[in-house]
Protein backbone atom coordinates (compact mmCIF):
# COMPACT_ATOMS: atom_id res chain seq x y z
CA MET A 1 -55.95 -14.75 6.08
CA ASP A 2 -54.99 -17.87 4.37
CA LEU A 3 -51.90 -19.50 5.88
CA GLU A 4 -51.65 -22.26 3.34
CA LYS A 5 -50.41 -21.95 -0.07
CA SER A 6 -52.79 -22.72 -3.02
CA PRO A 7 -51.82 -25.76 -5.16
CA ALA A 8 -50.68 -23.55 -7.97
CA GLU A 9 -48.16 -21.65 -5.66
CA ARG A 10 -46.58 -24.90 -4.08
CA PRO A 11 -43.27 -25.80 -5.49
CA ALA A 12 -43.25 -28.84 -7.75
CA VAL A 13 -41.47 -31.87 -6.05
CA PRO A 14 -39.23 -33.56 -8.74
CA ALA A 15 -40.31 -37.06 -9.37
CA GLU A 16 -37.85 -39.85 -8.08
CA GLY A 17 -37.26 -43.17 -9.72
CA CYS A 18 -37.37 -46.54 -7.97
CA LEU A 19 -33.41 -46.75 -8.05
CA THR A 20 -33.26 -43.68 -5.89
CA VAL A 21 -35.86 -44.85 -3.39
CA ALA A 22 -34.16 -48.25 -3.12
CA ILE A 23 -30.77 -46.82 -2.63
CA ARG A 24 -31.64 -44.13 -0.13
CA LEU A 25 -32.52 -45.99 2.99
CA PRO A 26 -29.63 -48.51 3.07
CA VAL A 27 -27.17 -45.88 2.22
CA ARG A 28 -28.41 -43.64 5.04
CA ILE A 29 -28.45 -46.39 7.65
CA VAL A 30 -24.74 -47.37 6.68
CA VAL A 31 -23.62 -43.74 6.72
CA LEU A 32 -25.47 -42.99 10.03
CA VAL A 33 -23.59 -46.02 11.70
CA LEU A 34 -20.26 -44.80 10.35
CA VAL A 35 -20.68 -41.12 10.99
CA VAL A 36 -22.04 -41.16 14.67
CA PRO A 37 -18.64 -42.25 16.23
CA VAL A 38 -16.76 -39.72 14.02
CA ARG A 39 -19.16 -36.72 14.89
CA MET A 40 -18.90 -37.71 18.65
CA LEU A 41 -15.17 -37.92 18.41
CA TRP A 42 -15.09 -34.51 16.64
CA ASP A 43 -17.39 -32.84 19.32
CA ALA A 44 -14.96 -34.29 22.09
CA LEU A 45 -12.08 -32.85 20.44
CA VAL A 46 -13.76 -29.44 19.84
CA VAL A 47 -14.62 -29.30 23.57
CA GLY A 48 -11.21 -30.39 24.59
CA GLY A 49 -9.66 -27.96 22.36
CA ARG A 50 -11.67 -25.03 23.76
CA PHE A 51 -10.87 -26.08 27.28
CA LEU A 52 -7.21 -26.32 26.49
CA ARG A 53 -7.28 -22.91 24.68
CA ASP A 54 -9.05 -21.17 27.61
CA THR A 55 -7.09 -22.75 30.37
CA VAL A 56 -3.54 -23.41 29.06
CA LEU A 57 -2.86 -21.85 25.57
CA ARG A 58 -4.29 -18.41 26.30
CA PRO A 59 -2.51 -17.79 29.60
CA VAL A 60 0.82 -19.36 28.28
CA GLY A 61 0.44 -17.08 25.20
CA ARG A 62 0.10 -13.98 27.52
CA VAL A 63 3.02 -15.16 29.51
CA LEU A 64 5.08 -15.57 26.42
CA GLN A 65 3.93 -12.25 25.08
CA TRP A 66 5.06 -10.64 28.34
CA VAL A 67 8.26 -12.39 28.26
CA ALA A 68 8.90 -11.47 24.63
CA TRP A 69 8.13 -7.80 25.59
CA ALA A 70 10.41 -7.95 28.57
CA ALA A 71 13.30 -9.66 26.65
CA PHE A 72 13.22 -8.04 23.21
CA VAL A 73 11.18 -4.82 23.15
CA TRP A 74 11.73 -3.25 26.65
CA PRO A 75 15.39 -3.15 26.48
CA TRP A 76 15.49 -1.45 23.14
CA VAL A 77 12.83 1.05 24.38
CA THR A 78 14.78 1.69 27.48
CA LEU A 79 17.97 2.12 25.44
CA TRP A 80 16.29 4.50 23.01
CA ARG A 81 14.68 6.60 25.83
CA TYR A 82 17.51 6.74 28.29
CA ALA A 83 20.54 6.41 26.13
CA VAL A 84 20.06 7.30 22.37
CA VAL A 85 17.72 10.27 22.83
CA PRO A 86 19.84 12.02 25.49
CA VAL A 87 23.08 11.36 23.51
CA GLY A 88 21.45 12.53 20.39
CA LYS A 89 20.29 15.73 22.15
CA ALA A 90 23.77 16.23 23.68
CA LEU A 91 25.43 15.76 20.13
CA ALA A 92 22.87 18.12 18.51
CA TRP A 93 23.66 20.83 21.15
CA LEU A 94 27.46 20.25 20.83
CA GLY A 95 27.08 20.42 17.00
CA TYR A 96 25.06 23.64 17.37
CA VAL A 97 27.53 25.17 19.82
CA SER A 98 30.80 24.05 17.82
CA LEU A 99 29.55 24.44 14.26
CA VAL A 100 26.44 26.60 13.75
CA VAL A 101 27.25 29.35 16.31
CA PRO A 102 30.92 29.97 14.85
CA ALA A 103 29.64 29.65 11.28
CA VAL A 104 26.86 32.34 11.93
CA TRP A 105 29.51 34.61 13.82
CA ILE A 106 31.98 34.17 10.91
CA TYR A 107 29.11 34.99 8.38
CA GLU A 108 27.94 37.91 10.25
CA THR A 109 31.19 39.57 11.13
CA VAL A 110 33.56 38.44 8.43
CA LEU A 111 32.04 37.10 5.33
CA THR A 112 29.25 39.71 5.12
CA PRO A 113 31.63 42.88 5.23
CA VAL A 114 34.16 41.12 2.90
CA GLY A 115 31.22 40.37 0.46
CA HIS A 116 30.01 43.92 0.66
CA ALA A 117 33.57 45.20 -0.08
CA ILE A 118 33.96 42.80 -3.02
CA ALA A 119 30.58 43.71 -4.32
CA TRP A 120 31.53 47.60 -4.03
CA VAL A 121 34.72 46.92 -5.92
CA ALA A 122 33.01 44.90 -8.65
CA ARG A 123 30.48 47.58 -9.23
CA GLY A 124 33.31 50.21 -9.71
CA VAL A 125 35.30 47.92 -12.03
CA GLY A 126 32.08 47.01 -13.94
CA ALA A 127 31.30 50.79 -14.38
CA GLY A 128 34.79 51.39 -15.62
CA PHE A 129 34.65 48.58 -18.11
CA ALA A 130 31.20 49.66 -19.28
CA TRP A 131 32.54 53.15 -20.03
CA VAL A 132 35.52 51.74 -21.94
CA LEU A 133 33.30 49.44 -23.86
CA ARG A 134 30.95 52.22 -24.77
CA GLY A 135 33.76 54.30 -26.19
CA LEU A 136 35.12 51.34 -28.11
CA GLY A 137 31.73 50.52 -29.39
CA ALA A 138 31.20 54.08 -30.65
CA GLY A 139 34.56 53.96 -32.63
CA PHE A 140 33.88 50.50 -34.13
CA ALA A 141 30.29 51.85 -35.19
CA TRP A 142 31.80 54.80 -36.88
CA VAL A 143 34.41 52.62 -38.79
CA LEU A 144 31.69 50.09 -39.71
CA ARG A 145 29.53 52.88 -41.03
CA GLY A 146 32.34 54.15 -43.32
CA ILE A 147 33.11 50.61 -44.60
CA GLY A 148 29.34 50.13 -45.34
CA ALA A 149 29.33 53.34 -47.36
CA VAL A 150 32.30 52.25 -49.48
CA LEU A 151 30.80 48.73 -50.13
CA ALA A 152 27.41 50.24 -51.06
CA TRP A 153 29.06 52.48 -53.59
CA VAL A 154 31.08 49.48 -55.14
CA TYR A 155 27.87 47.42 -55.34
CA ALA A 156 25.98 50.29 -56.99
CA ARG A 157 28.65 51.46 -59.44
CA VAL A 158 30.57 48.27 -60.14
CA LEU A 159 29.01 45.02 -59.29
CA THR A 160 25.44 45.85 -60.54
CA PRO A 161 26.48 46.69 -64.16
CA VAL A 162 28.86 43.59 -64.32
CA GLY A 163 26.14 41.38 -62.95
CA ARG A 164 23.53 42.49 -65.57
CA ALA A 165 26.00 41.93 -68.35
CA VAL A 166 26.70 38.27 -67.17
CA ALA A 167 22.92 37.60 -66.69
CA TRP A 168 22.30 38.75 -70.43
CA LEU A 169 25.13 36.51 -71.70
CA LEU A 170 23.94 33.50 -69.60
CA ARG A 171 20.25 34.00 -70.87
CA GLY A 172 21.43 33.81 -74.58
CA LEU A 173 23.56 30.64 -73.95
CA GLY A 174 20.54 29.06 -72.17
CA ILE A 175 18.22 29.59 -75.11
CA GLY A 176 20.74 28.04 -77.50
CA PHE A 177 21.40 25.00 -75.19
CA GLY A 178 17.51 24.50 -74.77
CA ALA A 179 16.90 24.34 -78.58
CA VAL A 180 19.66 21.67 -79.01
CA ALA A 181 18.44 19.65 -75.95
CA LEU A 182 14.86 19.66 -77.37
CA GLY A 183 15.93 18.48 -80.85
CA VAL A 184 18.13 15.56 -79.26
CA TYR A 185 15.10 14.58 -77.01
CA ARG A 186 12.75 14.27 -79.93
CA VAL A 187 15.06 12.09 -81.92
CA VAL A 188 15.86 9.81 -78.93
CA ALA A 189 12.01 9.39 -78.29
CA TRP A 190 11.30 8.42 -81.92
CA LEU A 191 14.11 5.84 -81.91
CA VAL A 192 12.90 4.31 -78.55
CA ARG A 193 9.36 4.16 -79.64
CA HIS A 194 10.06 2.28 -83.01
CA LEU A 195 12.95 0.14 -81.80
CA ILE A 196 11.79 -1.06 -78.18
CA VAL A 197 8.02 -0.20 -77.52
CA VAL A 198 6.33 -1.33 -80.70
CA PRO A 199 8.14 -4.74 -80.85
CA ALA A 200 7.59 -5.28 -77.16
CA LEU A 201 3.77 -4.72 -77.56
CA TRP A 202 3.55 -7.11 -80.62
CA LEU A 203 5.51 -9.76 -78.46
CA TYR A 204 3.04 -9.47 -75.63
CA GLU A 205 -0.15 -9.52 -77.68
CA TRP A 206 0.83 -12.37 -80.10
CA ILE A 207 3.11 -14.62 -78.11
CA LEU A 208 3.26 -14.26 -74.29
CA ALA A 209 -0.57 -13.65 -73.91
CA PRO A 210 -1.59 -16.87 -75.64
CA VAL A 211 1.16 -19.01 -73.90
CA GLY A 212 0.14 -17.50 -70.54
CA ARG A 213 -3.55 -18.36 -71.13
CA ALA A 214 -2.61 -21.99 -72.23
CA ILE A 215 -0.48 -22.49 -69.05
CA ALA A 216 -3.27 -21.05 -66.72
CA TRP A 217 -5.78 -23.50 -68.38
CA ALA A 218 -3.49 -26.42 -67.89
CA ALA A 219 -2.85 -25.44 -64.09
CA ARG A 220 -6.60 -25.12 -63.56
CA GLY A 221 -7.24 -28.63 -65.01
CA LEU A 222 -4.45 -30.14 -63.01
CA GLY A 223 -5.70 -28.45 -59.61
CA TRP A 224 -9.28 -29.87 -60.51
CA LEU A 225 -7.80 -33.39 -60.87
CA VAL A 226 -5.76 -33.14 -57.69
CA ARG A 227 -8.80 -31.75 -55.79
CA MET A 228 -10.91 -34.59 -56.97
CA ILE A 229 -8.30 -37.30 -56.05
CA PHE A 230 -7.96 -35.82 -52.59
CA THR A 231 -11.67 -35.48 -52.14
CA GLY A 232 -12.22 -39.20 -53.01
CA ILE A 233 -9.42 -40.28 -50.43
CA GLY A 234 -10.92 -37.92 -47.84
CA ALA A 235 -14.39 -39.39 -48.29
CA ALA A 236 -13.01 -42.91 -48.02
CA LEU A 237 -11.06 -42.02 -44.91
CA HIS A 238 -14.17 -40.30 -43.33
CA TRP A 239 -16.44 -43.36 -43.85
CA THR A 240 -13.84 -45.68 -42.70
CA LEU A 241 -13.21 -43.75 -39.49
CA ARG A 242 -16.88 -43.19 -38.94
CA VAL A 243 -17.60 -46.86 -39.18
CA LEU A 244 -14.63 -48.11 -37.22
CA LEU A 245 -14.21 -45.50 -34.42
CA VAL A 246 -17.16 -42.85 -34.33
CA LEU A 247 -20.07 -45.34 -34.46
CA PRO A 248 -18.69 -47.78 -31.84
CA ALA A 249 -17.74 -44.86 -29.52
CA LEU A 250 -21.11 -43.20 -29.90
CA ALA A 251 -22.87 -46.58 -29.11
CA LEU A 252 -20.55 -47.04 -26.03
CA TRP A 253 -21.27 -43.63 -24.74
CA ARG A 254 -25.03 -43.71 -25.37
CA TRP A 255 -25.79 -47.33 -24.14
CA VAL A 256 -23.12 -47.89 -21.49
CA LEU A 257 -21.37 -44.80 -20.20
CA VAL A 258 -24.48 -42.53 -19.89
CA PRO A 259 -26.64 -45.07 -17.91
CA VAL A 260 -23.58 -45.97 -15.65
CA GLY A 261 -22.84 -42.18 -15.07
CA ARG A 262 -26.51 -41.62 -14.13
CA VAL A 263 -26.47 -44.47 -11.60
CA LEU A 264 -23.07 -43.28 -10.20
CA ALA A 265 -24.65 -39.71 -10.01
CA VAL A 266 -27.72 -41.00 -8.16
CA VAL A 267 -25.53 -43.02 -5.88
CA ALA A 268 -23.19 -40.00 -5.16
CA ARG A 269 -26.13 -37.72 -4.61
CA GLU A 270 -27.65 -39.97 -2.24
CA VAL A 271 -24.37 -40.66 -0.44
CA GLY A 272 -23.81 -36.84 -0.03
CA ASP A 273 -27.38 -36.34 1.22
CA ALA A 274 -26.93 -39.20 3.72
CA LEU A 275 -23.67 -37.85 4.90
CA GLY A 276 -25.29 -34.48 5.66
CA HIS A 277 -28.39 -35.90 7.24
CA ALA A 278 -26.11 -38.30 9.28
CA TRP A 279 -23.84 -35.51 10.36
CA ARG A 280 -26.82 -33.46 11.59
CA VAL A 281 -28.39 -36.45 13.30
CA ALA A 282 -24.97 -37.31 14.87
CA GLY A 283 -24.69 -33.78 16.13
CA HIS A 284 -28.04 -34.12 17.89
CA LEU A 285 -26.97 -37.43 19.45
CA SER A 286 -23.62 -35.88 20.42
CA LEU A 287 -25.31 -32.82 22.00
CA ALA A 288 -27.66 -35.29 24.06
CA VAL A 289 -24.72 -37.34 25.14
CA GLY A 290 -22.82 -34.43 26.08
CA ARG A 291 -25.68 -33.10 28.14
CA PHE A 292 -26.15 -36.44 29.79
CA LEU A 293 -22.42 -36.55 30.73
CA GLY A 294 -22.56 -32.99 32.02
CA ARG A 295 -25.48 -33.69 34.20
CA LEU A 296 -23.85 -36.83 35.48
CA PHE A 297 -20.65 -35.00 36.21
CA ARG A 298 -22.70 -32.23 38.01
CA TRP A 299 -24.63 -34.92 40.06
CA ILE A 300 -21.54 -36.85 40.92
CA PHE A 301 -18.95 -34.12 41.55
CA VAL A 302 -20.11 -30.57 41.39
CA GLU A 303 -23.30 -30.88 43.60
CA PRO A 304 -21.36 -32.71 46.49
CA VAL A 305 -18.55 -30.24 46.44
CA ARG A 306 -21.10 -27.35 46.47
CA TRP A 307 -22.97 -28.86 49.36
CA VAL A 308 -19.64 -29.40 51.28
CA TYR A 309 -18.65 -25.73 50.69
CA ARG A 310 -22.03 -24.33 51.65
CA SER A 311 -22.81 -26.72 54.60
CA VAL A 312 -19.39 -27.32 56.07
CA LEU A 313 -16.64 -24.94 54.79
CA THR A 314 -18.54 -21.70 54.91
CA PRO A 315 -19.75 -22.16 58.59
CA VAL A 316 -16.32 -23.17 59.59
CA GLY A 317 -14.64 -20.30 57.71
CA HIS A 318 -17.05 -17.88 59.40
CA LEU A 319 -16.46 -19.28 62.80
CA VAL A 320 -12.62 -18.99 62.30
CA ARG A 321 -13.02 -15.37 60.93
CA ASP A 322 -15.13 -14.31 63.79
CA THR A 323 -13.23 -16.03 66.56
CA VAL A 324 -9.55 -15.91 65.35
CA LEU A 325 -8.88 -13.68 62.36
CA ARG A 326 -10.84 -10.66 63.40
CA PRO A 327 -9.50 -10.45 66.99
CA ALA A 328 -5.97 -11.10 65.66
CA ALA A 329 -6.38 -8.25 63.10
CA GLU A 330 -7.75 -5.93 65.80
CA ALA A 331 -4.76 -6.69 68.12
CA ALA A 332 -2.34 -6.24 65.14
CA ARG A 333 -3.92 -2.87 64.17
CA GLY A 334 -3.77 -1.78 67.80
CA VAL A 335 -0.08 -2.73 68.08
CA GLY A 336 0.61 -0.90 64.83
CA ARG A 337 -1.19 2.21 66.04
CA VAL A 338 0.76 2.15 69.35
CA THR A 339 4.00 1.57 67.48
CA ARG A 340 3.32 4.51 65.11
CA GLN A 341 2.39 6.99 68.05
CA ALA A 342 5.64 5.88 69.87
CA LEU A 343 7.68 6.46 66.71
CA ALA A 344 6.12 9.81 66.16
CA ALA A 345 6.73 10.81 69.85
CA ALA A 346 10.27 9.75 69.46
CA ARG A 347 10.79 11.73 66.18
CA GLU A 348 9.30 14.93 67.87
CA SER A 349 11.58 14.58 70.91
CA ALA A 350 14.59 14.21 68.65
CA ARG A 351 13.53 17.15 66.71
CA GLN A 352 13.13 19.30 69.80
CA THR A 353 16.53 18.12 71.03
CA ARG A 354 18.31 19.11 67.81
CA ALA A 355 16.73 22.50 67.90
CA ASP A 356 17.70 23.06 71.61
CA ILE A 357 21.30 22.07 70.80
CA ARG A 358 21.48 24.27 67.78
CA ARG A 359 19.95 27.38 69.68
CA MET A 360 22.66 26.72 72.52
CA LEU A 361 25.51 26.54 70.05
CA PHE A 362 24.55 29.22 67.57
CA GLY A 363 21.98 31.33 69.28
CA THR A 364 18.49 32.28 68.19
CA PRO A 365 18.32 32.90 64.42
CA ARG A 366 17.23 36.50 63.58
CA GLU A 367 13.88 37.01 61.97
CA PRO A 368 14.21 38.13 58.20
CA GLU A 369 13.26 41.74 57.64
CA ARG A 370 10.24 42.37 55.60
CA VAL A 371 10.86 44.33 52.50
CA PRO A 372 7.87 46.48 51.46
CA LEU A 373 6.81 45.98 47.94
CA ALA A 374 7.43 48.62 45.41
CA LYS A 375 4.29 50.49 44.21
CA ASP A 376 3.19 49.45 40.67
CA ARG A 377 4.22 52.30 38.31
CA ARG A 378 3.21 50.65 35.08
CA GLU A 379 -0.16 52.72 35.06
CA PRO A 380 -0.92 56.19 36.41
CA GLY A 381 -3.39 56.74 39.18
CA ALA A 382 -6.84 58.22 38.72
CA ALA A 383 -5.62 61.76 39.02
CA GLY A 384 -2.77 61.47 36.31
CA THR A 385 -4.50 59.20 33.75
CA ARG A 386 -3.85 59.87 30.11
CA THR A 387 -6.59 61.47 27.98
CA LEU A 388 -6.93 62.52 24.38
CA GLY A 389 -6.42 66.24 25.32
CA SER A 390 -3.66 65.98 27.89
CA SER A 391 -0.07 64.40 28.32
CA THR A 392 1.79 62.83 31.23
CA THR A 393 5.33 63.66 30.05
CA ALA A 394 7.45 66.42 31.66
CA LEU A 395 7.76 68.66 28.65
CA THR A 396 4.10 68.70 27.52
CA LYS A 397 2.32 68.25 30.77
CA ASP A 398 -0.38 70.95 31.32
């Protein structure tokens, strides 16, 4: 197995100029000197912020959250649960009792019978009106059939012959008027052709068309002359602006701005790389310094405190617990046990005394008589069970 890449598979490293190599090392040294204090200060602020968040801000936030709940949310929840909801239920019950129940009673006992009576009366009145309207409709239909028969006779015996005579008369008048109109149209068409159309065509062909062609030729010549003038002026302005503005700007861009921009780009890239490298190196240095300070704090403060706790305070605490606290606790438990027993005996004596006094004053209470439970009659016994061919009723029982 080949663990190394072949020369063909290795990524090509871009060639770097001498300017890049000359700028890189001083820039990285200067940036490292400037960035290390900033990174250490930043790490110290991060550690302090985390400690402040865990020890101060989070408990304070929880306390403020509890206070806000107790001050703003809990009163409204209590008001809703113990005041608004019971009042709403009471008002709903009151509205049901005072409005819904009377309305249902009025509807069932008053409005429904009245409505049924009104509907019965309306059905009777409607049936009467329907009978009357059917009679009136039959009479009107007989009258209308008579009028229709009279009108049909008038149309067939009077109007039809008169209409045919009027149509024959109008057809004759139409033929006469058509002949007169055709003659007038032909005369007017001949006059319009020889008095208007023929002179207009001659005027267009021999006068307007040559004059229009001459005007168009003159306009084309004038347009060519104006175009040539403006072309010359544009060419002169083009070469003037090119020589006075474009060529100097192009030379400035090519020979001044581009090299300066490349140098600034190299410097900016190296400064960015140097900042990243210095930030990482400063992180490692800050981590090492933090670990050193942590170990120093542990050696100076934590280890002595731990040794004092394990070697001094723990044995002393065990001694105090075994010699003082446990006997005191046992004595306190014994006293509490004796006190509870004395109180229980006192309560039992007081209970017996009350019972004796009640018995002397009112006598011994009677024992309640036991009432026998009724036998379950829901299902018959085995001898009187129901079958498909028998019955358990009094009339049909076998």
